[in-house]
Amino acid sequence: MEEGPDSYLKDCVNRGKILNKHNSDNGGIVGYVDHLTNIYNCVNLGNVENGNGTIGTHKTGSQFSHDGLYYIEDTGKGWPSATKVSESKKGDKNSYSKLDFSGIWDISADGPFLKDCPFQFQ
C-alpha cells in the first residue's frame, strides 16, 4: 500500500495460500505498508508460507493505522495488535470482537466470511 490518506483497506478476508518468498514482505492481508495507510477489520485464513499472517512489513518510520486484524494460528507469523485465533476457535464469533457480524460479516465452522462478496468462495 503506497502512501496517501486514501490508502485504505477495510473488511477483507484471505482464504488462499501465499507461497512466494519475498523476504519479510509476505502478508496474508497486505505485503508492504508505506506511510499514511489504514487497514481495519481483516482476517487471514490462508497459509502464508514465508511471512506474517496479516501485514508483511512496513516502511521504516512509517505512520499507519491498523486494528481488528486476525489470523488463524500457524497460518503465518504474528504482527503487533493482530489477534491470533486458534484453529478450534476460528468458527466462533467471539474470537473476532472487532468484526461487524450484524451487517458485514457472517461466520461458519471454516471462519468468518463477508455477507455480500459473491466471488470469495470461487
PDB file of N, CA and C in Angstrom:
ATOM      1  N   MET A   1       0.855  -1.173   0.000  1.00  0.00           N
ATOM      2  CA  MET A   1       0.000   0.000   0.000  1.00  0.00           C
ATOM      3  C   MET A   1       0.894   1.226   0.000  1.00  0.00           C
ATOM      4  N   GLU A   2       0.697   2.075  -0.965  1.00  0.00           N
ATOM      5  CA  GLU A   2       1.510   3.281  -1.085  1.00  0.00           C
ATOM      6  C   GLU A   2       0.963   4.388  -0.198  1.00  0.00           C
ATOM      7  N   GLU A   3       1.821   5.374   0.065  1.00  0.00           N
ATOM      8  CA  GLU A   3       1.415   6.438   0.971  1.00  0.00           C
ATOM      9  C   GLU A   3       0.292   7.288   0.406  1.00  0.00           C
ATOM     10  N   GLY A   4      -0.448   7.888   1.296  1.00  0.00           N
ATOM     11  CA  GLY A   4      -1.564   8.746   0.927  1.00  0.00           C
ATOM     12  C   GLY A   4      -2.759   8.459   1.800  1.00  0.00           C
ATOM     13  N   PRO A   5      -3.518   9.480   2.151  1.00  0.00           N
ATOM     14  CA  PRO A   5      -4.645   9.272   3.060  1.00  0.00           C
ATOM     15  C   PRO A   5      -5.761   8.423   2.455  1.00  0.00           C
ATOM     16  N   ASP A   6      -5.717   8.200   1.151  1.00  0.00           N
ATOM     17  CA  ASP A   6      -6.745   7.383   0.524  1.00  0.00           C
ATOM     18  C   ASP A   6      -6.378   5.911   0.459  1.00  0.00           C
ATOM     19  N   SER A   7      -5.236   5.534   0.983  1.00  0.00           N
ATOM     20  CA  SER A   7      -4.842   4.126   1.014  1.00  0.00           C
ATOM     21  C   SER A   7      -5.568   3.465   2.171  1.00  0.00           C
ATOM     22  N   TYR A   8      -6.586   2.711   1.845  1.00  0.00           N
ATOM     23  CA  TYR A   8      -7.493   2.207   2.864  1.00  0.00           C
ATOM     24  C   TYR A   8      -7.909   0.792   2.523  1.00  0.00           C
ATOM     25  N   LEU A   9      -7.780  -0.115   3.478  1.00  0.00           N
ATOM     26  CA  LEU A   9      -8.214  -1.495   3.312  1.00  0.00           C
ATOM     27  C   LEU A   9      -9.086  -1.832   4.509  1.00  0.00           C
ATOM     28  N   LYS A  10     -10.323  -2.220   4.259  1.00  0.00           N
ATOM     29  CA  LYS A  10     -11.250  -2.489   5.359  1.00  0.00           C
ATOM     30  C   LYS A  10     -12.151  -3.659   4.989  1.00  0.00           C
ATOM     31  N   ASP A  11     -12.403  -4.508   5.967  1.00  0.00           N
ATOM     32  CA  ASP A  11     -13.313  -5.640   5.821  1.00  0.00           C
ATOM     33  C   ASP A  11     -12.938  -6.526   4.638  1.00  0.00           C
ATOM     34  N   CYS A  12     -11.812  -7.208   4.777  1.00  0.00           N
ATOM     35  CA  CYS A  12     -11.406  -8.157   3.740  1.00  0.00           C
ATOM     36  C   CYS A  12     -10.975  -9.468   4.399  1.00  0.00           C
ATOM     37  N   VAL A  13     -10.982 -10.513   3.592  1.00  0.00           N
ATOM     38  CA  VAL A  13     -10.591 -11.836   4.078  1.00  0.00           C
ATOM     39  C   VAL A  13      -9.712 -12.496   3.024  1.00  0.00           C
ATOM     40  N   ASN A  14      -8.686 -13.199   3.470  1.00  0.00           N
ATOM     41  CA  ASN A  14      -7.864 -14.016   2.588  1.00  0.00           C
ATOM     42  C   ASN A  14      -8.063 -15.473   2.974  1.00  0.00           C
ATOM     43  N   ARG A  15      -8.412 -16.302   1.991  1.00  0.00           N
ATOM     44  CA  ARG A  15      -8.570 -17.738   2.211  1.00  0.00           C
ATOM     45  C   ARG A  15      -7.502 -18.540   1.480  1.00  0.00           C
ATOM     46  N   GLY A  16      -6.732 -17.875   0.624  1.00  0.00           N
ATOM     47  CA  GLY A  16      -5.762 -18.582  -0.207  1.00  0.00           C
ATOM     48  C   GLY A  16      -4.376 -18.660   0.404  1.00  0.00           C
ATOM     49  N   LYS A  17      -3.550 -19.521  -0.167  1.00  0.00           N
ATOM     50  CA  LYS A  17      -2.170 -19.675   0.264  1.00  0.00           C
ATOM     51  C   LYS A  17      -1.308 -18.594  -0.369  1.00  0.00           C
ATOM     52  N   ILE A  18      -0.347 -18.093   0.385  1.00  0.00           N
ATOM     53  CA  ILE A  18       0.639 -17.138  -0.113  1.00  0.00           C
ATOM     54  C   ILE A  18       1.959 -17.910  -0.151  1.00  0.00           C
ATOM     55  N   LEU A  19       2.396 -18.284  -1.348  1.00  0.00           N
ATOM     56  CA  LEU A  19       3.543 -19.184  -1.486  1.00  0.00           C
ATOM     57  C   LEU A  19       4.853 -18.489  -1.820  1.00  0.00           C
ATOM     58  N   ASN A  20       4.812 -17.266  -2.335  1.00  0.00           N
ATOM     59  CA  ASN A  20       6.041 -16.581  -2.730  1.00  0.00           C
ATOM     60  C   ASN A  20       6.930 -16.293  -1.537  1.00  0.00           C
ATOM     61  N   LYS A  21       8.209 -16.186  -1.812  1.00  0.00           N
ATOM     62  CA  LYS A  21       9.174 -15.896  -0.749  1.00  0.00           C
ATOM     63  C   LYS A  21       9.849 -14.562  -1.053  1.00  0.00           C
ATOM     64  N   HIS A  22       9.280 -13.479  -0.533  1.00  0.00           N
ATOM     65  CA  HIS A  22       9.807 -12.132  -0.743  1.00  0.00           C
ATOM     66  C   HIS A  22      10.356 -11.593   0.570  1.00  0.00           C
ATOM     67  N   ASN A  23      11.241 -12.306   1.181  1.00  0.00           N
ATOM     68  CA  ASN A  23      11.804 -11.912   2.475  1.00  0.00           C
ATOM     69  C   ASN A  23      10.683 -11.663   3.465  1.00  0.00           C
ATOM     70  N   SER A  24      10.603 -10.453   4.035  1.00  0.00           N
ATOM     71  CA  SER A  24       9.587 -10.184   5.054  1.00  0.00           C
ATOM     72  C   SER A  24       8.356  -9.487   4.490  1.00  0.00           C
ATOM     73  N   ASP A  25       8.261  -9.343   3.158  1.00  0.00           N
ATOM     74  CA  ASP A  25       7.142  -8.615   2.571  1.00  0.00           C
ATOM     75  C   ASP A  25       5.878  -9.452   2.408  1.00  0.00           C
ATOM     76  N   ASN A  26       5.924 -10.723   2.658  1.00  0.00           N
ATOM     77  CA  ASN A  26       4.725 -11.558   2.526  1.00  0.00           C
ATOM     78  C   ASN A  26       3.779 -11.302   3.693  1.00  0.00           C
ATOM     79  N   GLY A  27       2.504 -11.148   3.368  1.00  0.00           N
ATOM     80  CA  GLY A  27       1.481 -10.994   4.389  1.00  0.00           C
ATOM     81  C   GLY A  27       0.179 -11.590   3.896  1.00  0.00           C
ATOM     82  N   GLY A  28      -0.622 -12.085   4.799  1.00  0.00           N
ATOM     83  CA  GLY A  28      -1.900 -12.669   4.423  1.00  0.00           C
ATOM     84  C   GLY A  28      -2.912 -11.640   3.965  1.00  0.00           C
ATOM     85  N   ILE A  29      -2.775 -10.394   4.411  1.00  0.00           N
ATOM     86  CA  ILE A  29      -3.692  -9.324   4.033  1.00  0.00           C
ATOM     87  C   ILE A  29      -3.023  -8.343   3.085  1.00  0.00           C
ATOM     88  N   VAL A  30      -1.864  -7.850   3.431  1.00  0.00           N
ATOM     89  CA  VAL A  30      -1.112  -6.912   2.588  1.00  0.00           C
ATOM     90  C   VAL A  30       0.377  -7.167   2.827  1.00  0.00           C
ATOM     91  N   GLY A  31       1.172  -7.031   1.765  1.00  0.00           N
ATOM     92  CA  GLY A  31       2.588  -7.347   1.890  1.00  0.00           C
ATOM     93  C   GLY A  31       3.433  -6.243   2.486  1.00  0.00           C
ATOM     94  N   TYR A  32       3.275  -5.015   1.998  1.00  0.00           N
ATOM     95  CA  TYR A  32       4.138  -3.918   2.412  1.00  0.00           C
ATOM     96  C   TYR A  32       3.305  -2.663   2.610  1.00  0.00           C
ATOM     97  N   VAL A  33       3.508  -1.979   3.719  1.00  0.00           N
ATOM     98  CA  VAL A  33       2.758  -0.779   4.044  1.00  0.00           C
ATOM     99  C   VAL A  33       3.696   0.415   4.065  1.00  0.00           C
ATOM    100  N   ASP A  34       3.312   1.483   3.370  1.00  0.00           N
ATOM    101  CA  ASP A  34       4.047   2.741   3.353  1.00  0.00           C
ATOM    102  C   ASP A  34       3.366   3.699   4.339  1.00  0.00           C
ATOM    103  N   HIS A  35       3.665   4.982   4.241  1.00  0.00           N
ATOM    104  CA  HIS A  35       3.086   5.989   5.138  1.00  0.00           C
ATOM    105  C   HIS A  35       1.589   6.168   4.937  1.00  0.00           C
ATOM    106  N   LEU A  36       0.918   6.582   6.000  1.00  0.00           N
ATOM    107  CA  LEU A  36      -0.456   7.059   5.979  1.00  0.00           C
ATOM    108  C   LEU A  36      -1.448   6.099   5.334  1.00  0.00           C
ATOM    109  N   THR A  37      -1.367   4.846   5.690  1.00  0.00           N
ATOM    110  CA  THR A  37      -2.328   3.861   5.207  1.00  0.00           C
ATOM    111  C   THR A  37      -3.197   3.387   6.368  1.00  0.00           C
ATOM    112  N   ASN A  38      -4.334   2.834   6.037  1.00  0.00           N
ATOM    113  CA  ASN A  38      -5.307   2.391   7.038  1.00  0.00           C
ATOM    114  C   ASN A  38      -5.754   0.979   6.708  1.00  0.00           C
ATOM    115  N   ILE A  39      -5.648   0.071   7.681  1.00  0.00           N
ATOM    116  CA  ILE A  39      -6.019  -1.323   7.480  1.00  0.00           C
ATOM    117  C   ILE A  39      -6.862  -1.756   8.684  1.00  0.00           C
ATOM    118  N   TYR A  40      -8.140  -2.094   8.422  1.00  0.00           N
ATOM    119  CA  TYR A  40      -9.053  -2.405   9.510  1.00  0.00           C
ATOM    120  C   TYR A  40      -9.920  -3.625   9.206  1.00  0.00           C
ATOM    121  N   ASN A  41     -10.166  -4.407  10.239  1.00  0.00           N
ATOM    122  CA  ASN A  41     -11.150  -5.492  10.229  1.00  0.00           C
ATOM    123  C   ASN A  41     -10.922  -6.490   9.095  1.00  0.00           C
ATOM    124  N   CYS A  42      -9.763  -7.127   9.115  1.00  0.00           N
ATOM    125  CA  CYS A  42      -9.389  -8.090   8.085  1.00  0.00           C
ATOM    126  C   CYS A  42      -9.012  -9.416   8.738  1.00  0.00           C
ATOM    127  N   VAL A  43      -9.239 -10.504   7.992  1.00  0.00           N
ATOM    128  CA  VAL A  43      -8.993 -11.847   8.516  1.00  0.00           C
ATOM    129  C   VAL A  43      -8.171 -12.641   7.507  1.00  0.00           C
ATOM    130  N   ASN A  44      -7.113 -13.287   7.974  1.00  0.00           N
ATOM    131  CA  ASN A  44      -6.357 -14.214   7.140  1.00  0.00           C
ATOM    132  C   ASN A  44      -6.643 -15.639   7.601  1.00  0.00           C
ATOM    133  N   LEU A  45      -7.220 -16.430   6.691  1.00  0.00           N
ATOM    134  CA  LEU A  45      -7.491 -17.841   6.953  1.00  0.00           C
ATOM    135  C   LEU A  45      -6.554 -18.737   6.143  1.00  0.00           C
ATOM    136  N   GLY A  46      -5.792 -18.147   5.217  1.00  0.00           N
ATOM    137  CA  GLY A  46      -4.896 -18.901   4.345  1.00  0.00           C
ATOM    138  C   GLY A  46      -3.484 -18.958   4.891  1.00  0.00           C
ATOM    139  N   ASN A  47      -2.739 -19.953   4.486  1.00  0.00           N
ATOM    140  CA  ASN A  47      -1.379 -20.136   4.963  1.00  0.00           C
ATOM    141  C   ASN A  47      -0.410 -19.187   4.250  1.00  0.00           C
ATOM    142  N   VAL A  48       0.416 -18.484   5.022  1.00  0.00           N
ATOM    143  CA  VAL A  48       1.467 -17.629   4.485  1.00  0.00           C
ATOM    144  C   VAL A  48       2.775 -18.393   4.674  1.00  0.00           C
ATOM    145  N   GLU A  49       3.282 -18.945   3.584  1.00  0.00           N
ATOM    146  CA  GLU A  49       4.441 -19.832   3.663  1.00  0.00           C
ATOM    147  C   GLU A  49       5.654 -19.174   4.309  1.00  0.00           C
ATOM    148  N   ASN A  50       5.932 -17.925   3.974  1.00  0.00           N
ATOM    149  CA  ASN A  50       7.117 -17.255   4.483  1.00  0.00           C
ATOM    150  C   ASN A  50       6.761 -15.800   4.775  1.00  0.00           C
ATOM    151  N   GLY A  51       6.148 -15.539   5.904  1.00  0.00           N
ATOM    152  CA  GLY A  51       5.773 -14.169   6.238  1.00  0.00           C
ATOM    153  C   GLY A  51       4.783 -14.119   7.382  1.00  0.00           C
ATOM    154  N   ASN A  52       4.144 -12.973   7.502  1.00  0.00           N
ATOM    155  CA  ASN A  52       3.225 -12.717   8.603  1.00  0.00           C
ATOM    156  C   ASN A  52       1.779 -13.014   8.213  1.00  0.00           C
ATOM    157  N   GLY A  53       0.976 -13.345   9.191  1.00  0.00           N
ATOM    158  CA  GLY A  53      -0.414 -13.679   8.941  1.00  0.00           C
ATOM    159  C   GLY A  53      -1.255 -12.512   8.473  1.00  0.00           C
ATOM    160  N   THR A  54      -0.884 -11.279   8.831  1.00  0.00           N
ATOM    161  CA  THR A  54      -1.697 -10.131   8.429  1.00  0.00           C
ATOM    162  C   THR A  54      -0.913  -9.163   7.549  1.00  0.00           C
ATOM    163  N   ILE A  55      -0.010  -8.365   8.127  1.00  0.00           N
ATOM    164  CA  ILE A  55       0.784  -7.390   7.370  1.00  0.00           C
ATOM    165  C   ILE A  55       2.206  -7.923   7.257  1.00  0.00           C
ATOM    166  N   GLY A  56       2.752  -7.909   6.035  1.00  0.00           N
ATOM    167  CA  GLY A  56       4.094  -8.433   5.835  1.00  0.00           C
ATOM    168  C   GLY A  56       5.155  -7.596   6.522  1.00  0.00           C
ATOM    169  N   THR A  57       5.261  -6.334   6.154  1.00  0.00           N
ATOM    170  CA  THR A  57       6.232  -5.429   6.754  1.00  0.00           C
ATOM    171  C   THR A  57       5.793  -3.998   6.472  1.00  0.00           C
ATOM    172  N   HIS A  58       6.560  -3.039   6.966  1.00  0.00           N
ATOM    173  CA  HIS A  58       6.223  -1.634   6.748  1.00  0.00           C
ATOM    174  C   HIS A  58       7.490  -0.818   6.562  1.00  0.00           C
ATOM    175  N   LYS A  59       7.326   0.314   5.910  1.00  0.00           N
ATOM    176  CA  LYS A  59       8.441   1.216   5.676  1.00  0.00           C
ATOM    177  C   LYS A  59       8.961   1.719   7.019  1.00  0.00           C
ATOM    178  N   THR A  60      10.259   1.760   7.188  1.00  0.00           N
ATOM    179  CA  THR A  60      10.856   2.234   8.430  1.00  0.00           C
ATOM    180  C   THR A  60      10.380   3.653   8.723  1.00  0.00           C
ATOM    181  N   GLY A  61       9.932   3.879   9.939  1.00  0.00           N
ATOM    182  CA  GLY A  61       9.470   5.199  10.351  1.00  0.00           C
ATOM    183  C   GLY A  61       8.094   5.562   9.827  1.00  0.00           C
ATOM    184  N   SER A  62       7.382   4.610   9.255  1.00  0.00           N
ATOM    185  CA  SER A  62       6.070   4.921   8.692  1.00  0.00           C
ATOM    186  C   SER A  62       5.032   5.094   9.788  1.00  0.00           C
ATOM    187  N   GLN A  63       4.011   5.864   9.468  1.00  0.00           N
ATOM    188  CA  GLN A  63       2.869   6.045  10.353  1.00  0.00           C
ATOM    189  C   GLN A  63       1.654   5.480   9.624  1.00  0.00           C
ATOM    190  N   PHE A  64       1.047   4.477  10.206  1.00  0.00           N
ATOM    191  CA  PHE A  64      -0.142   3.900   9.604  1.00  0.00           C
ATOM    192  C   PHE A  64      -1.047   3.358  10.690  1.00  0.00           C
ATOM    193  N   SER A  65      -2.319   3.243  10.371  1.00  0.00           N
ATOM    194  CA  SER A  65      -3.301   2.769  11.339  1.00  0.00           C
ATOM    195  C   SER A  65      -3.724   1.353  10.998  1.00  0.00           C
ATOM    196  N   HIS A  66      -3.854   0.526  12.013  1.00  0.00           N
ATOM    197  CA  HIS A  66      -4.329  -0.836  11.809  1.00  0.00           C
ATOM    198  C   HIS A  66      -5.012  -1.308  13.082  1.00  0.00           C
ATOM    199  N   ASP A  67      -6.123  -1.993  12.896  1.00  0.00           N
ATOM    200  CA  ASP A  67      -6.872  -2.504  14.041  1.00  0.00           C
ATOM    201  C   ASP A  67      -7.847  -3.566  13.535  1.00  0.00           C
ATOM    202  N   GLY A  68      -8.217  -4.468  14.384  1.00  0.00           N
ATOM    203  CA  GLY A  68      -9.171  -5.513  14.018  1.00  0.00           C
ATOM    204  C   GLY A  68      -8.588  -6.495  13.019  1.00  0.00           C
ATOM    205  N   LEU A  69      -7.306  -6.850  13.183  1.00  0.00           N
ATOM    206  CA  LEU A  69      -6.657  -7.808  12.290  1.00  0.00           C
ATOM    207  C   LEU A  69      -6.588  -9.169  12.979  1.00  0.00           C
ATOM    208  N   TYR A  70      -6.940 -10.214  12.234  1.00  0.00           N
ATOM    209  CA  TYR A  70      -6.995 -11.570  12.788  1.00  0.00           C
ATOM    210  C   TYR A  70      -6.320 -12.548  11.843  1.00  0.00           C
ATOM    211  N   TYR A  71      -5.670 -13.554  12.418  1.00  0.00           N
ATOM    212  CA  TYR A  71      -5.100 -14.638  11.622  1.00  0.00           C
ATOM    213  C   TYR A  71      -5.223 -15.932  12.417  1.00  0.00           C
ATOM    214  N   ILE A  72      -5.394 -17.019  11.709  1.00  0.00           N
ATOM    215  CA  ILE A  72      -5.523 -18.320  12.353  1.00  0.00           C
ATOM    216  C   ILE A  72      -4.127 -18.825  12.732  1.00  0.00           C
ATOM    217  N   GLU A  73      -4.028 -19.350  13.910  1.00  0.00           N
ATOM    218  CA  GLU A  73      -2.775 -19.880  14.442  1.00  0.00           C
ATOM    219  C   GLU A  73      -2.093 -20.792  13.416  1.00  0.00           C
ATOM    220  N   ASP A  74      -0.799 -20.609  13.265  1.00  0.00           N
ATOM    221  CA  ASP A  74       0.040 -21.397  12.361  1.00  0.00           C
ATOM    222  C   ASP A  74      -0.192 -21.097  10.878  1.00  0.00           C
ATOM    223  N   THR A  75      -0.882 -20.003  10.540  1.00  0.00           N
ATOM    224  CA  THR A  75      -1.005 -19.615   9.136  1.00  0.00           C
ATOM    225  C   THR A  75       0.069 -18.606   8.748  1.00  0.00           C
ATOM    226  N   GLY A  76       0.792 -18.083   9.698  1.00  0.00           N
ATOM    227  CA  GLY A  76       1.851 -17.112   9.455  1.00  0.00           C
ATOM    228  C   GLY A  76       2.330 -16.572  10.786  1.00  0.00           C
ATOM    229  N   LYS A  77       3.362 -15.744  10.721  1.00  0.00           N
ATOM    230  CA  LYS A  77       3.880 -15.140  11.947  1.00  0.00           C
ATOM    231  C   LYS A  77       2.952 -14.027  12.416  1.00  0.00           C
ATOM    232  N   GLY A  78       3.124 -13.594  13.644  1.00  0.00           N
ATOM    233  CA  GLY A  78       2.275 -12.575  14.239  1.00  0.00           C
ATOM    234  C   GLY A  78       2.601 -11.164  13.779  1.00  0.00           C
ATOM    235  N   TRP A  79       1.838 -10.228  14.284  1.00  0.00           N
ATOM    236  CA  TRP A  79       2.003  -8.813  13.999  1.00  0.00           C
ATOM    237  C   TRP A  79       1.479  -8.057  15.208  1.00  0.00           C
ATOM    238  N   PRO A  80       2.162  -6.963  15.602  1.00  0.00           N
ATOM    239  CA  PRO A  80       1.658  -6.205  16.754  1.00  0.00           C
ATOM    240  C   PRO A  80       0.205  -5.784  16.529  1.00  0.00           C
ATOM    241  N   SER A  81      -0.605  -6.013  17.478  1.00  0.00           N
ATOM    242  CA  SER A  81      -2.036  -5.705  17.523  1.00  0.00           C
ATOM    243  C   SER A  81      -2.900  -6.688  16.745  1.00  0.00           C
ATOM    244  N   ALA A  82      -2.323  -7.624  16.020  1.00  0.00           N
ATOM    245  CA  ALA A  82      -3.131  -8.651  15.350  1.00  0.00           C
ATOM    246  C   ALA A  82      -3.472  -9.742  16.365  1.00  0.00           C
ATOM    247  N   THR A  83      -4.645 -10.296  16.235  1.00  0.00           N
ATOM    248  CA  THR A  83      -5.108 -11.326  17.152  1.00  0.00           C
ATOM    249  C   THR A  83      -4.944 -12.698  16.512  1.00  0.00           C
ATOM    250  N   LYS A  84      -4.243 -13.572  17.221  1.00  0.00           N
ATOM    251  CA  LYS A  84      -4.095 -14.960  16.777  1.00  0.00           C
ATOM    252  C   LYS A  84      -5.300 -15.746  17.280  1.00  0.00           C
ATOM    253  N   VAL A  85      -5.972 -16.438  16.370  1.00  0.00           N
ATOM    254  CA  VAL A  85      -7.153 -17.237  16.707  1.00  0.00           C
ATOM    255  C   VAL A  85      -6.779 -18.708  16.545  1.00  0.00           C
ATOM    256  N   SER A  86      -7.076 -19.509  17.535  1.00  0.00           N
ATOM    257  CA  SER A  86      -6.754 -20.934  17.443  1.00  0.00           C
ATOM    258  C   SER A  86      -7.650 -21.608  16.408  1.00  0.00           C
ATOM    259  N   GLU A  87      -7.143 -22.665  15.823  1.00  0.00           N
ATOM    260  CA  GLU A  87      -7.896 -23.437  14.825  1.00  0.00           C
ATOM    261  C   GLU A  87      -9.240 -23.878  15.389  1.00  0.00           C
ATOM    262  N   SER A  88      -9.272 -24.272  16.643  1.00  0.00           N
ATOM    263  CA  SER A  88     -10.517 -24.754  17.250  1.00  0.00           C
ATOM    264  C   SER A  88     -11.536 -23.641  17.496  1.00  0.00           C
ATOM    265  N   LYS A  89     -11.104 -22.376  17.480  1.00  0.00           N
ATOM    266  CA  LYS A  89     -12.000 -21.240  17.733  1.00  0.00           C
ATOM    267  C   LYS A  89     -12.284 -20.410  16.482  1.00  0.00           C
ATOM    268  N   LYS A  90     -11.803 -20.830  15.303  1.00  0.00           N
ATOM    269  CA  LYS A  90     -11.967 -19.984  14.113  1.00  0.00           C
ATOM    270  C   LYS A  90     -13.419 -19.830  13.686  1.00  0.00           C
ATOM    271  N   GLY A  91     -14.308 -20.719  14.104  1.00  0.00           N
ATOM    272  CA  GLY A  91     -15.726 -20.611  13.793  1.00  0.00           C
ATOM    273  C   GLY A  91     -16.549 -19.967  14.899  1.00  0.00           C
ATOM    274  N   ASP A  92     -15.904 -19.315  15.854  1.00  0.00           N
ATOM    275  CA  ASP A  92     -16.571 -18.698  16.994  1.00  0.00           C
ATOM    276  C   ASP A  92     -16.551 -17.171  16.845  1.00  0.00           C
ATOM    277  N   LYS A  93     -17.718 -16.549  16.741  1.00  0.00           N
ATOM    278  CA  LYS A  93     -17.801 -15.092  16.596  1.00  0.00           C
ATOM    279  C   LYS A  93     -17.057 -14.347  17.698  1.00  0.00           C
ATOM    280  N   ASN A  94     -17.036 -14.906  18.874  1.00  0.00           N
ATOM    281  CA  ASN A  94     -16.371 -14.239  19.999  1.00  0.00           C
ATOM    282  C   ASN A  94     -14.867 -14.095  19.808  1.00  0.00           C
ATOM    283  N   SER A  95     -14.298 -14.817  18.858  1.00  0.00           N
ATOM    284  CA  SER A  95     -12.858 -14.715  18.580  1.00  0.00           C
ATOM    285  C   SER A  95     -12.517 -13.477  17.758  1.00  0.00           C
ATOM    286  N   TYR A  96     -13.533 -12.790  17.229  1.00  0.00           N
ATOM    287  CA  TYR A  96     -13.334 -11.666  16.317  1.00  0.00           C
ATOM    288  C   TYR A  96     -14.142 -10.456  16.809  1.00  0.00           C
ATOM    289  N   SER A  97     -13.727  -9.874  17.902  1.00  0.00           N
ATOM    290  CA  SER A  97     -14.521  -8.838  18.570  1.00  0.00           C
ATOM    291  C   SER A  97     -14.710  -7.568  17.744  1.00  0.00           C
ATOM    292  N   LYS A  98     -13.841  -7.271  16.801  1.00  0.00           N
ATOM    293  CA  LYS A  98     -13.949  -6.023  16.019  1.00  0.00           C
ATOM    294  C   LYS A  98     -14.768  -6.179  14.737  1.00  0.00           C
ATOM    295  N   LEU A  99     -15.137  -7.386  14.359  1.00  0.00           N
ATOM    296  CA  LEU A  99     -15.885  -7.586  13.121  1.00  0.00           C
ATOM    297  C   LEU A  99     -17.371  -7.334  13.337  1.00  0.00           C
ATOM    298  N   ASP A 100     -18.014  -6.733  12.345  1.00  0.00           N
ATOM    299  CA  ASP A 100     -19.439  -6.406  12.395  1.00  0.00           C
ATOM    300  C   ASP A 100     -20.254  -7.584  11.850  1.00  0.00           C
ATOM    301  N   PHE A 101     -20.700  -8.459  12.745  1.00  0.00           N
ATOM    302  CA  PHE A 101     -21.481  -9.624  12.341  1.00  0.00           C
ATOM    303  C   PHE A 101     -22.960  -9.293  12.126  1.00  0.00           C
ATOM    304  N   SER A 102     -23.367  -8.101  12.443  1.00  0.00           N
ATOM    305  CA  SER A 102     -24.766  -7.729  12.192  1.00  0.00           C
ATOM    306  C   SER A 102     -24.974  -7.192  10.778  1.00  0.00           C
ATOM    307  N   GLY A 103     -23.901  -6.675  10.145  1.00  0.00           N
ATOM    308  CA  GLY A 103     -24.087  -6.100   8.828  1.00  0.00           C
ATOM    309  C   GLY A 103     -23.137  -6.589   7.749  1.00  0.00           C
ATOM    310  N   ILE A 104     -21.873  -6.788   8.069  1.00  0.00           N
ATOM    311  CA  ILE A 104     -20.850  -7.045   7.048  1.00  0.00           C
ATOM    312  C   ILE A 104     -20.388  -8.499   7.008  1.00  0.00           C
ATOM    313  N   TRP A 105     -20.194  -9.096   8.160  1.00  0.00           N
ATOM    314  CA  TRP A 105     -19.612 -10.426   8.262  1.00  0.00           C
ATOM    315  C   TRP A 105     -20.646 -11.462   8.695  1.00  0.00           C
ATOM    316  N   ASP A 106     -20.345 -12.725   8.359  1.00  0.00           N
ATOM    317  CA  ASP A 106     -21.058 -13.881   8.889  1.00  0.00           C
ATOM    318  C   ASP A 106     -19.978 -14.905   9.229  1.00  0.00           C
ATOM    319  N   ILE A 107     -20.345 -16.030   9.780  1.00  0.00           N
ATOM    320  CA  ILE A 107     -19.328 -16.998  10.195  1.00  0.00           C
ATOM    321  C   ILE A 107     -19.840 -18.423   9.988  1.00  0.00           C
ATOM    322  N   SER A 108     -18.902 -19.308   9.697  1.00  0.00           N
ATOM    323  CA  SER A 108     -19.189 -20.742   9.596  1.00  0.00           C
ATOM    324  C   SER A 108     -18.098 -21.465  10.375  1.00  0.00           C
ATOM    325  N   ALA A 109     -18.121 -22.777  10.351  1.00  0.00           N
ATOM    326  CA  ALA A 109     -17.075 -23.554  11.029  1.00  0.00           C
ATOM    327  C   ALA A 109     -15.696 -23.289  10.417  1.00  0.00           C
ATOM    328  N   ASP A 110     -15.669 -22.815   9.160  1.00  0.00           N
ATOM    329  CA  ASP A 110     -14.401 -22.510   8.477  1.00  0.00           C
ATOM    330  C   ASP A 110     -13.900 -21.104   8.753  1.00  0.00           C
ATOM    331  N   GLY A 111     -14.636 -20.313   9.534  1.00  0.00           N
ATOM    332  CA  GLY A 111     -14.206 -18.969   9.877  1.00  0.00           C
ATOM    333  C   GLY A 111     -15.111 -17.897   9.295  1.00  0.00           C
ATOM    334  N   PRO A 112     -14.756 -16.623   9.522  1.00  0.00           N
ATOM    335  CA  PRO A 112     -15.585 -15.512   9.046  1.00  0.00           C
ATOM    336  C   PRO A 112     -15.584 -15.408   7.525  1.00  0.00           C
ATOM    337  N   PHE A 113     -16.682 -14.875   6.997  1.00  0.00           N
ATOM    338  CA  PHE A 113     -16.771 -14.561   5.572  1.00  0.00           C
ATOM    339  C   PHE A 113     -17.652 -13.330   5.410  1.00  0.00           C
ATOM    340  N   LEU A 114     -17.479 -12.654   4.294  1.00  0.00           N
ATOM    341  CA  LEU A 114     -18.247 -11.449   4.009  1.00  0.00           C
ATOM    342  C   LEU A 114     -19.634 -11.833   3.467  1.00  0.00           C
ATOM    343  N   LYS A 115     -20.645 -11.178   3.967  1.00  0.00           N
ATOM    344  CA  LYS A 115     -22.026 -11.489   3.558  1.00  0.00           C
ATOM    345  C   LYS A 115     -22.276 -11.195   2.084  1.00  0.00           C
ATOM    346  N   ASP A 116     -21.744 -10.100   1.581  1.00  0.00           N
ATOM    347  CA  ASP A 116     -22.049  -9.653   0.226  1.00  0.00           C
ATOM    348  C   ASP A 116     -20.832  -9.646  -0.686  1.00  0.00           C
ATOM    349  N   CYS A 117     -20.133 -10.749  -0.774  1.00  0.00           N
ATOM    350  CA  CYS A 117     -18.972 -10.859  -1.644  1.00  0.00           C
ATOM    351  C   CYS A 117     -19.087 -12.192  -2.385  1.00  0.00           C
ATOM    352  N   PRO A 118     -19.719 -12.186  -3.575  1.00  0.00           N
ATOM    353  CA  PRO A 118     -20.042 -13.436  -4.261  1.00  0.00           C
ATOM    354  C   PRO A 118     -18.837 -14.235  -4.764  1.00  0.00           C
ATOM    355  N   PHE A 119     -17.687 -13.616  -4.940  1.00  0.00           N
ATOM    356  CA  PHE A 119     -16.544 -14.341  -5.509  1.00  0.00           C
ATOM    357  C   PHE A 119     -15.590 -14.907  -4.462  1.00  0.00           C
ATOM    358  N   GLN A 120     -15.852 -14.757  -3.178  1.00  0.00           N
ATOM    359  CA  GLN A 120     -14.882 -15.182  -2.165  1.00  0.00           C
ATOM    360  C   GLN A 120     -14.728 -16.696  -2.040  1.00  0.00           C
ATOM    361  N   PHE A 121     -15.675 -17.476  -2.541  1.00  0.00           N
ATOM    362  CA  PHE A 121     -15.574 -18.929  -2.424  1.00  0.00           C
ATOM    363  C   PHE A 121     -15.313 -19.611  -3.759  1.00  0.00           C
ATOM    364  N   GLN A 122     -15.019 -18.864  -4.801  1.00  0.00           N
ATOM    365  CA  GLN A 122     -14.788 -19.448  -6.125  1.00  0.00           C
ATOM    366  C   GLN A 122     -13.369 -19.919  -6.277  1.00  0.00           C
TER     367      GLN A 122
END
